[in-house]
Amino acid sequence: MAGDARARLVTFNALVLAGSRGGADPLTAYAGVTDKAMIEIGGHTMLARVIAALRAAGAGRIAVVFSSDTVRAHAEALGAEVIAAAAGPSASAARGFAQLGAPLLVTTADHALLEPDWITRFLADVPADADVAVLLARRDVIEQAVPETKRTYLRFADGAWSGCNLFHLATPKAAAAIDLWQRVEADRKRPWRIVGRLGPKLLWRYLIGRLTLAEGLGHVGKLAGVTARMVGSPFGLAAVDVDKPSDLDLVRGLIEKTPKP
């Protein structure tokens, strides 16, 4: 069935978050560049690798959120539209969604291992009722693919999961989910407010290990007034991005081991 769904896929639009939070960044200092998106891996910048994967998966319009002239010029040279970054990833996503509309695939410039198959499989597996969908991979799937990686995991009753930096904003209602994201992002230094949004019953079920990831995501969706769904990825490498120097070393090593076509 998944194969049939993939065969029916049409061209989609994509947004790549390639802005910067500002301030000192150990990763860019380690790589010797001013912008994370401009880090070279295997002879290509991370941004170029991501855009190439999106195009190969069938992306039509591709827009890049930028916060420096260097990234803007590079994105334009790669044939992408450009959108000036707003104050934070969620506000930047909102700006991109307003320009490109739904449905929209959102990813990040540091998703250097991104493969077209991961994208097409994700889009094919998004439930038909979803306003918003997020791709995640289970810890066992990730560690089987790349045991040396160090990831942050969300622990639920149905296992430990890590995000894969791929989001599908399927309908116009997804704007409400971005609005909730902005409110959560504004409260990141006041975690009690974030916890308070979940409510004591849901929080208690999470703490005693009785809450599944799908249930938790569904509840968060209800807070925003949308139907939010998760999609489990069979590709463990989809959870590997480049956030710190050790990630960069890992990804460069993986790409060097990949046979050239």
C-alpha atoms as a PDB file:
ATOM      1  CA  MET A   1       0.000   0.000   0.000  1.00  0.00           C
ATOM      2  CA  ALA A   2       2.834   2.386   0.843  1.00  0.00           C
ATOM      3  CA  GLY A   3       4.335   1.724  -2.573  1.00  0.00           C
ATOM      4  CA  ASP A   4       1.048   2.641  -4.276  1.00  0.00           C
ATOM      5  CA  ALA A   5       0.840   5.837  -2.224  1.00  0.00           C
ATOM      6  CA  ARG A   6       4.359   6.821  -3.221  1.00  0.00           C
ATOM      7  CA  ALA A   7       3.487   6.289  -6.866  1.00  0.00           C
ATOM      8  CA  ARG A   8       0.643   8.801  -6.550  1.00  0.00           C
ATOM      9  CA  LEU A   9       2.756  11.572  -5.014  1.00  0.00           C
ATOM     10  CA  VAL A  10       2.632  14.947  -6.723  1.00  0.00           C
ATOM     11  CA  THR A  11       5.090  17.799  -6.633  1.00  0.00           C
ATOM     12  CA  PHE A  12       5.330  19.474  -3.244  1.00  0.00           C
ATOM     13  CA  ASN A  13       6.733  22.740  -1.922  1.00  0.00           C
ATOM     14  CA  ALA A  14       9.491  22.830   0.676  1.00  0.00           C
ATOM     15  CA  LEU A  15      10.900  25.240   3.237  1.00  0.00           C
ATOM     16  CA  VAL A  16      14.474  24.951   4.515  1.00  0.00           C
ATOM     17  CA  LEU A  17      15.265  26.669   7.802  1.00  0.00           C
ATOM     18  CA  ALA A  18      18.827  27.964   7.412  1.00  0.00           C
ATOM     19  CA  GLY A  19      18.847  30.951   9.751  1.00  0.00           C
ATOM     20  CA  SER A  20      21.011  31.508  12.796  1.00  0.00           C
ATOM     21  CA  ARG A  21      20.143  32.247  16.412  1.00  0.00           C
ATOM     22  CA  GLY A  22      23.153  34.577  16.587  1.00  0.00           C
ATOM     23  CA  GLY A  23      25.976  34.559  19.113  1.00  0.00           C
ATOM     24  CA  ALA A  24      28.985  32.260  19.293  1.00  0.00           C
ATOM     25  CA  ASP A  25      28.539  28.854  17.690  1.00  0.00           C
ATOM     26  CA  PRO A  26      31.132  26.145  18.479  1.00  0.00           C
ATOM     27  CA  LEU A  27      30.132  24.255  15.333  1.00  0.00           C
ATOM     28  CA  THR A  28      30.805  27.053  12.846  1.00  0.00           C
ATOM     29  CA  ALA A  29      34.039  27.915  14.652  1.00  0.00           C
ATOM     30  CA  TYR A  30      35.115  24.264  14.388  1.00  0.00           C
ATOM     31  CA  ALA A  31      34.220  24.156  10.692  1.00  0.00           C
ATOM     32  CA  GLY A  32      35.854  27.512   9.932  1.00  0.00           C
ATOM     33  CA  VAL A  33      32.762  29.139   8.424  1.00  0.00           C
ATOM     34  CA  THR A  34      30.457  31.962   9.447  1.00  0.00           C
ATOM     35  CA  ASP A  35      27.176  30.142   8.737  1.00  0.00           C
ATOM     36  CA  LYS A  36      26.138  26.598   9.629  1.00  0.00           C
ATOM     37  CA  ALA A  37      24.422  26.081   6.276  1.00  0.00           C
ATOM     38  CA  MET A  38      27.724  26.781   4.503  1.00  0.00           C
ATOM     39  CA  ILE A  39      29.642  23.916   6.127  1.00  0.00           C
ATOM     40  CA  GLU A  40      31.029  21.662   3.397  1.00  0.00           C
ATOM     41  CA  ILE A  41      30.618  17.903   3.552  1.00  0.00           C
ATOM     42  CA  GLY A  42      31.762  15.688   0.723  1.00  0.00           C
ATOM     43  CA  GLY A  43      32.491  18.686  -1.490  1.00  0.00           C
ATOM     44  CA  HIS A  44      29.077  20.330  -1.110  1.00  0.00           C
ATOM     45  CA  THR A  45      27.592  22.671   1.460  1.00  0.00           C
ATOM     46  CA  MET A  46      24.973  21.250   3.792  1.00  0.00           C
ATOM     47  CA  LEU A  47      22.400  23.579   2.228  1.00  0.00           C
ATOM     48  CA  ALA A  48      23.245  22.354  -1.271  1.00  0.00           C
ATOM     49  CA  ARG A  49      22.910  18.737  -0.141  1.00  0.00           C
ATOM     50  CA  VAL A  50      19.476  19.378   1.375  1.00  0.00           C
ATOM     51  CA  ILE A  51      18.176  21.245  -1.680  1.00  0.00           C
ATOM     52  CA  ALA A  52      19.442  18.490  -3.987  1.00  0.00           C
ATOM     53  CA  ALA A  53      17.601  15.838  -1.945  1.00  0.00           C
ATOM     54  CA  LEU A  54      14.379  17.867  -1.986  1.00  0.00           C
ATOM     55  CA  ARG A  55      14.535  18.323  -5.752  1.00  0.00           C
ATOM     56  CA  ALA A  56      15.230  14.635  -6.315  1.00  0.00           C
ATOM     57  CA  ALA A  57      12.174  13.809  -4.189  1.00  0.00           C
ATOM     58  CA  GLY A  58       9.959  16.000  -6.375  1.00  0.00           C
ATOM     59  CA  ALA A  59       9.980  19.413  -4.721  1.00  0.00           C
ATOM     60  CA  GLY A  60       8.672  22.223  -6.914  1.00  0.00           C
ATOM     61  CA  ARG A  61       9.130  25.501  -5.094  1.00  0.00           C
ATOM     62  CA  ILE A  62      11.925  25.487  -2.512  1.00  0.00           C
ATOM     63  CA  ALA A  63      12.395  28.456  -0.199  1.00  0.00           C
ATOM     64  CA  VAL A  64      15.318  29.006   2.162  1.00  0.00           C
ATOM     65  CA  VAL A  65      15.079  31.050   5.346  1.00  0.00           C
ATOM     66  CA  PHE A  66      18.310  33.024   5.720  1.00  0.00           C
ATOM     67  CA  SER A  67      19.835  35.370   8.259  1.00  0.00           C
ATOM     68  CA  SER A  68      23.045  36.314   6.430  1.00  0.00           C
ATOM     69  CA  ASP A  69      23.891  37.674   3.000  1.00  0.00           C
ATOM     70  CA  THR A  70      26.216  34.716   2.453  1.00  0.00           C
ATOM     71  CA  VAL A  71      23.429  32.154   2.855  1.00  0.00           C
ATOM     72  CA  ARG A  72      21.043  34.277   0.823  1.00  0.00           C
ATOM     73  CA  ALA A  73      23.417  34.485  -2.125  1.00  0.00           C
ATOM     74  CA  HIS A  74      24.186  30.772  -1.937  1.00  0.00           C
ATOM     75  CA  ALA A  75      20.502  29.815  -1.812  1.00  0.00           C
ATOM     76  CA  GLU A  76      19.743  32.010  -4.822  1.00  0.00           C
ATOM     77  CA  ALA A  77      22.666  30.474  -6.708  1.00  0.00           C
ATOM     78  CA  LEU A  78      21.129  27.058  -5.983  1.00  0.00           C
ATOM     79  CA  GLY A  79      17.860  28.230  -7.547  1.00  0.00           C
ATOM     80  CA  ALA A  80      15.861  28.555  -4.328  1.00  0.00           C
ATOM     81  CA  GLU A  81      13.550  31.337  -3.240  1.00  0.00           C
ATOM     82  CA  VAL A  82      14.734  33.249  -0.185  1.00  0.00           C
ATOM     83  CA  ILE A  83      12.915  34.467   2.920  1.00  0.00           C
ATOM     84  CA  ALA A  84      14.499  36.650   5.590  1.00  0.00           C
ATOM     85  CA  ALA A  85      14.595  34.924   8.974  1.00  0.00           C
ATOM     86  CA  ALA A  86      12.280  36.119  11.711  1.00  0.00           C
ATOM     87  CA  ALA A  87      12.971  36.077  15.454  1.00  0.00           C
ATOM     88  CA  GLY A  88      13.342  32.336  15.977  1.00  0.00           C
ATOM     89  CA  PRO A  89      12.674  29.119  14.021  1.00  0.00           C
ATOM     90  CA  SER A  90       8.928  29.077  14.692  1.00  0.00           C
ATOM     91  CA  ALA A  91       8.420  32.661  13.508  1.00  0.00           C
ATOM     92  CA  SER A  92      10.558  31.890  10.452  1.00  0.00           C
ATOM     93  CA  ALA A  93       8.425  28.827   9.719  1.00  0.00           C
ATOM     94  CA  ALA A  94       5.304  30.997  10.040  1.00  0.00           C
ATOM     95  CA  ARG A  95       6.745  33.467   7.540  1.00  0.00           C
ATOM     96  CA  GLY A  96       7.568  30.672   5.104  1.00  0.00           C
ATOM     97  CA  PHE A  97       4.139  29.083   5.502  1.00  0.00           C
ATOM     98  CA  ALA A  98       2.480  32.419   4.778  1.00  0.00           C
ATOM     99  CA  GLN A  99       4.468  32.692   1.526  1.00  0.00           C
ATOM    100  CA  LEU A 100       4.293  29.090   0.293  1.00  0.00           C
ATOM    101  CA  GLY A 101       1.029  27.852   1.797  1.00  0.00           C
ATOM    102  CA  ALA A 102      -0.146  24.297   2.393  1.00  0.00           C
ATOM    103  CA  PRO A 103       0.824  21.582   1.878  1.00  0.00           C
ATOM    104  CA  LEU A 104       4.409  22.352   2.825  1.00  0.00           C
ATOM    105  CA  LEU A 105       7.360  20.169   3.794  1.00  0.00           C
ATOM    106  CA  VAL A 106       9.672  21.805   6.339  1.00  0.00           C
ATOM    107  CA  THR A 107      13.238  20.726   7.060  1.00  0.00           C
ATOM    108  CA  THR A 108      16.547  22.225   8.172  1.00  0.00           C
ATOM    109  CA  ALA A 109      19.817  23.075   6.460  1.00  0.00           C
ATOM    110  CA  ASP A 110      21.780  20.869   8.869  1.00  0.00           C
ATOM    111  CA  HIS A 111      20.005  17.711   7.650  1.00  0.00           C
ATOM    112  CA  ALA A 112      23.120  16.858   5.665  1.00  0.00           C
ATOM    113  CA  LEU A 113      22.364  13.148   5.174  1.00  0.00           C
ATOM    114  CA  LEU A 114      18.866  13.793   3.814  1.00  0.00           C
ATOM    115  CA  GLU A 115      17.828  11.285   1.136  1.00  0.00           C
ATOM    116  CA  PRO A 116      14.961  11.583  -1.380  1.00  0.00           C
ATOM    117  CA  ASP A 117      13.575   8.190  -0.291  1.00  0.00           C
ATOM    118  CA  TRP A 118      13.134   9.414   3.285  1.00  0.00           C
ATOM    119  CA  ILE A 119      11.056  12.322   2.013  1.00  0.00           C
ATOM    120  CA  THR A 120       8.839  10.359  -0.356  1.00  0.00           C
ATOM    121  CA  ARG A 121       8.253   7.618   2.228  1.00  0.00           C
ATOM    122  CA  PHE A 122       7.335  10.197   4.864  1.00  0.00           C
ATOM    123  CA  LEU A 123       4.872  12.009   2.614  1.00  0.00           C
ATOM    124  CA  ALA A 124       3.321   8.733   1.505  1.00  0.00           C
ATOM    125  CA  ASP A 125       2.840   7.595   5.099  1.00  0.00           C
ATOM    126  CA  VAL A 126       1.270  10.811   6.425  1.00  0.00           C
ATOM    127  CA  PRO A 127      -2.296   9.920   7.574  1.00  0.00           C
ATOM    128  CA  ALA A 128      -5.031  11.428   5.407  1.00  0.00           C
ATOM    129  CA  ASP A 129      -6.621  13.247   8.367  1.00  0.00           C
ATOM    130  CA  ALA A 130      -3.437  15.037   9.458  1.00  0.00           C
ATOM    131  CA  ASP A 131      -3.200  18.819   9.505  1.00  0.00           C
ATOM    132  CA  VAL A 132       0.375  18.455  10.740  1.00  0.00           C
ATOM    133  CA  ALA A 133       2.691  15.444  10.708  1.00  0.00           C
ATOM    134  CA  VAL A 134       6.142  14.928  12.164  1.00  0.00           C
ATOM    135  CA  LEU A 135       8.700  12.261  11.294  1.00  0.00           C
ATOM    136  CA  LEU A 136      10.411  10.424  14.150  1.00  0.00           C
ATOM    137  CA  ALA A 137      12.584   7.326  14.483  1.00  0.00           C
ATOM    138  CA  ARG A 138      12.762   4.831  17.318  1.00  0.00           C
ATOM    139  CA  ARG A 139      16.003   4.493  19.227  1.00  0.00           C
ATOM    140  CA  ASP A 140      16.514   0.865  18.196  1.00  0.00           C
ATOM    141  CA  VAL A 141      16.135   1.797  14.517  1.00  0.00           C
ATOM    142  CA  ILE A 142      18.619   4.656  14.900  1.00  0.00           C
ATOM    143  CA  GLU A 143      21.199   2.669  16.831  1.00  0.00           C
ATOM    144  CA  GLN A 144      21.014  -0.196  14.374  1.00  0.00           C
ATOM    145  CA  ALA A 145      21.836   2.210  11.529  1.00  0.00           C
ATOM    146  CA  VAL A 146      24.415   4.307  13.336  1.00  0.00           C
ATOM    147  CA  PRO A 147      25.325   2.985  16.811  1.00  0.00           C
ATOM    148  CA  GLU A 148      27.933   5.684  17.405  1.00  0.00           C
ATOM    149  CA  THR A 149      25.493   8.600  17.291  1.00  0.00           C
ATOM    150  CA  LYS A 150      24.504  10.527  20.419  1.00  0.00           C
ATOM    151  CA  ARG A 151      20.889  11.709  20.186  1.00  0.00           C
ATOM    152  CA  THR A 152      18.326  13.207  22.525  1.00  0.00           C
ATOM    153  CA  TYR A 153      15.389  10.843  22.958  1.00  0.00           C
ATOM    154  CA  LEU A 154      11.774  11.351  23.987  1.00  0.00           C
ATOM    155  CA  ARG A 155      10.806   8.403  26.186  1.00  0.00           C
ATOM    156  CA  PHE A 156       7.235   7.140  25.852  1.00  0.00           C
ATOM    157  CA  ALA A 157       5.341   3.946  26.582  1.00  0.00           C
ATOM    158  CA  ASP A 158       5.974   2.739  23.040  1.00  0.00           C
ATOM    159  CA  GLY A 159       9.705   3.378  23.122  1.00  0.00           C
ATOM    160  CA  ALA A 160      12.301   6.130  22.923  1.00  0.00           C
ATOM    161  CA  TRP A 161      12.059   8.381  19.863  1.00  0.00           C
ATOM    162  CA  SER A 162      14.144  11.071  18.204  1.00  0.00           C
ATOM    163  CA  GLY A 163      13.022  13.714  15.721  1.00  0.00           C
ATOM    164  CA  CYS A 164      14.081  13.566  12.075  1.00  0.00           C
ATOM    165  CA  ASN A 165      13.803  17.275  11.167  1.00  0.00           C
ATOM    166  CA  LEU A 166      10.993  16.661   8.685  1.00  0.00           C
ATOM    167  CA  PHE A 167       7.556  18.188   9.179  1.00  0.00           C
ATOM    168  CA  HIS A 168       4.532  18.200   6.892  1.00  0.00           C
ATOM    169  CA  LEU A 169       2.148  21.139   7.165  1.00  0.00           C
ATOM    170  CA  ALA A 170      -0.670  19.461   5.307  1.00  0.00           C
ATOM    171  CA  THR A 171      -3.551  21.945   5.530  1.00  0.00           C
ATOM    172  CA  PRO A 172      -4.054  25.676   6.174  1.00  0.00           C
ATOM    173  CA  LYS A 173      -5.008  24.760   9.757  1.00  0.00           C
ATOM    174  CA  ALA A 174      -1.321  23.999  10.364  1.00  0.00           C
ATOM    175  CA  ALA A 175      -0.862  27.744  10.961  1.00  0.00           C
ATOM    176  CA  ALA A 176      -2.424  27.172  14.398  1.00  0.00           C
ATOM    177  CA  ALA A 177       0.226  24.550  15.190  1.00  0.00           C
ATOM    178  CA  ILE A 178       2.962  27.028  14.260  1.00  0.00           C
ATOM    179  CA  ASP A 179       1.328  29.566  16.570  1.00  0.00           C
ATOM    180  CA  LEU A 180       1.499  27.045  19.451  1.00  0.00           C
ATOM    181  CA  TRP A 181       5.139  26.360  18.541  1.00  0.00           C
ATOM    182  CA  GLN A 182       5.843  30.093  18.833  1.00  0.00           C
ATOM    183  CA  ARG A 183       4.235  30.220  22.281  1.00  0.00           C
ATOM    184  CA  VAL A 184       6.210  27.190  23.454  1.00  0.00           C
ATOM    185  CA  GLU A 185       9.406  28.685  22.044  1.00  0.00           C
ATOM    186  CA  ALA A 186       8.710  31.932  23.937  1.00  0.00           C
ATOM    187  CA  ASP A 187       8.348  29.873  27.137  1.00  0.00           C
ATOM    188  CA  ARG A 188      11.536  27.844  26.697  1.00  0.00           C
ATOM    189  CA  LYS A 189      13.075  29.592  29.741  1.00  0.00           C
ATOM    190  CA  ARG A 190       9.878  29.029  31.725  1.00  0.00           C
ATOM    191  CA  PRO A 191       9.371  25.250  31.420  1.00  0.00           C
ATOM    192  CA  TRP A 192       6.585  25.205  34.010  1.00  0.00           C
ATOM    193  CA  ARG A 193       4.385  27.003  31.490  1.00  0.00           C
ATOM    194  CA  ILE A 194       5.081  24.358  28.862  1.00  0.00           C
ATOM    195  CA  VAL A 195       4.307  21.580  31.333  1.00  0.00           C
ATOM    196  CA  GLY A 196       1.162  23.402  32.435  1.00  0.00           C
ATOM    197  CA  ARG A 197      -0.235  23.270  28.900  1.00  0.00           C
ATOM    198  CA  LEU A 198      -0.205  19.485  29.007  1.00  0.00           C
ATOM    199  CA  GLY A 199      -2.371  19.259  32.112  1.00  0.00           C
ATOM    200  CA  PRO A 200      -1.731  17.120  35.220  1.00  0.00           C
ATOM    201  CA  LYS A 201      -3.414  13.938  33.922  1.00  0.00           C
ATOM    202  CA  LEU A 202      -1.360  13.752  30.739  1.00  0.00           C
ATOM    203  CA  LEU A 203       1.819  14.684  32.574  1.00  0.00           C
ATOM    204  CA  TRP A 204       1.224  11.963  35.163  1.00  0.00           C
ATOM    205  CA  ARG A 205       0.683   9.334  32.452  1.00  0.00           C
ATOM    206  CA  TYR A 206       3.962  10.421  30.851  1.00  0.00           C
ATOM    207  CA  LEU A 207       5.883  10.265  34.145  1.00  0.00           C
ATOM    208  CA  ILE A 208       4.683   6.733  34.936  1.00  0.00           C
ATOM    209  CA  GLY A 209       5.438   5.541  31.410  1.00  0.00           C
ATOM    210  CA  ARG A 210       1.845   4.995  30.254  1.00  0.00           C
ATOM    211  CA  LEU A 211       1.677   7.652  27.527  1.00  0.00           C
ATOM    212  CA  THR A 212       2.463   6.723  23.932  1.00  0.00           C
ATOM    213  CA  LEU A 213       4.075   9.214  21.585  1.00  0.00           C
ATOM    214  CA  ALA A 214       1.041   9.244  19.290  1.00  0.00           C
ATOM    215  CA  GLU A 215      -1.250  10.034  22.248  1.00  0.00           C
ATOM    216  CA  GLY A 216       1.011  12.833  23.437  1.00  0.00           C
ATOM    217  CA  LEU A 217       1.308  14.379  19.999  1.00  0.00           C
ATOM    218  CA  GLY A 218      -2.431  14.069  19.488  1.00  0.00           C
ATOM    219  CA  HIS A 219      -3.076  15.956  22.736  1.00  0.00           C
ATOM    220  CA  VAL A 220      -0.648  18.717  21.788  1.00  0.00           C
ATOM    221  CA  GLY A 221      -2.466  18.987  18.458  1.00  0.00           C
ATOM    222  CA  LYS A 222      -5.779  19.417  20.256  1.00  0.00           C
ATOM    223  CA  LEU A 223      -4.275  22.305  22.227  1.00  0.00           C
ATOM    224  CA  ALA A 224      -3.662  24.041  18.900  1.00  0.00           C
ATOM    225  CA  GLY A 225      -6.962  22.938  17.388  1.00  0.00           C
ATOM    226  CA  VAL A 226      -5.388  20.712  14.754  1.00  0.00           C
ATOM    227  CA  THR A 227      -5.011  17.012  14.034  1.00  0.00           C
ATOM    228  CA  ALA A 228      -1.344  16.207  14.653  1.00  0.00           C
ATOM    229  CA  ARG A 229       0.055  12.825  13.672  1.00  0.00           C
ATOM    230  CA  MET A 230       3.409  11.119  13.953  1.00  0.00           C
ATOM    231  CA  VAL A 231       5.055   8.973  11.299  1.00  0.00           C
ATOM    232  CA  GLY A 232       7.680   6.434  12.283  1.00  0.00           C
ATOM    233  CA  SER A 233      10.704   6.303  10.007  1.00  0.00           C
ATOM    234  CA  PRO A 234      12.343   2.992   9.076  1.00  0.00           C
ATOM    235  CA  PHE A 235      15.518   4.950   8.258  1.00  0.00           C
ATOM    236  CA  GLY A 236      17.655   5.410  11.368  1.00  0.00           C
ATOM    237  CA  LEU A 237      20.013   7.836   9.650  1.00  0.00           C
ATOM    238  CA  ALA A 238      17.088  10.241   9.183  1.00  0.00           C
ATOM    239  CA  ALA A 239      17.485  11.255  12.837  1.00  0.00           C
ATOM    240  CA  VAL A 240      21.105  12.358  12.384  1.00  0.00           C
ATOM    241  CA  ASP A 241      21.668  16.080  11.886  1.00  0.00           C
ATOM    242  CA  VAL A 242      24.662  18.351  12.486  1.00  0.00           C
ATOM    243  CA  ASP A 243      24.335  20.329  15.713  1.00  0.00           C
ATOM    244  CA  LYS A 244      27.814  20.057  17.181  1.00  0.00           C
ATOM    245  CA  PRO A 245      31.404  19.269  16.115  1.00  0.00           C
ATOM    246  CA  SER A 246      31.086  15.569  16.960  1.00  0.00           C
ATOM    247  CA  ASP A 247      28.013  15.367  14.685  1.00  0.00           C
ATOM    248  CA  LEU A 248      30.000  16.936  11.857  1.00  0.00           C
ATOM    249  CA  ASP A 249      32.824  14.423  12.273  1.00  0.00           C
ATOM    250  CA  LEU A 250      30.299  11.576  12.295  1.00  0.00           C
ATOM    251  CA  VAL A 251      28.446  12.751   9.184  1.00  0.00           C
ATOM    252  CA  ARG A 252      31.637  13.423   7.253  1.00  0.00           C
ATOM    253  CA  GLY A 253      32.803   9.924   8.106  1.00  0.00           C
ATOM    254  CA  LEU A 254      29.521   8.383   6.999  1.00  0.00           C
ATOM    255  CA  ILE A 255      29.543  10.227   3.689  1.00  0.00           C
ATOM    256  CA  GLU A 256      33.148   9.280   3.013  1.00  0.00           C
ATOM    257  CA  LYS A 257      32.158   5.613   3.447  1.00  0.00           C
ATOM    258  CA  THR A 258      29.229   5.917   1.042  1.00  0.00           C
ATOM    259  CA  PRO A 259      30.060   4.423  -2.374  1.00  0.00           C
ATOM    260  CA  LYS A 260      30.129   6.995  -5.162  1.00  0.00           C
ATOM    261  CA  PRO A 261      27.486   6.446  -7.905  1.00  0.00           C
END
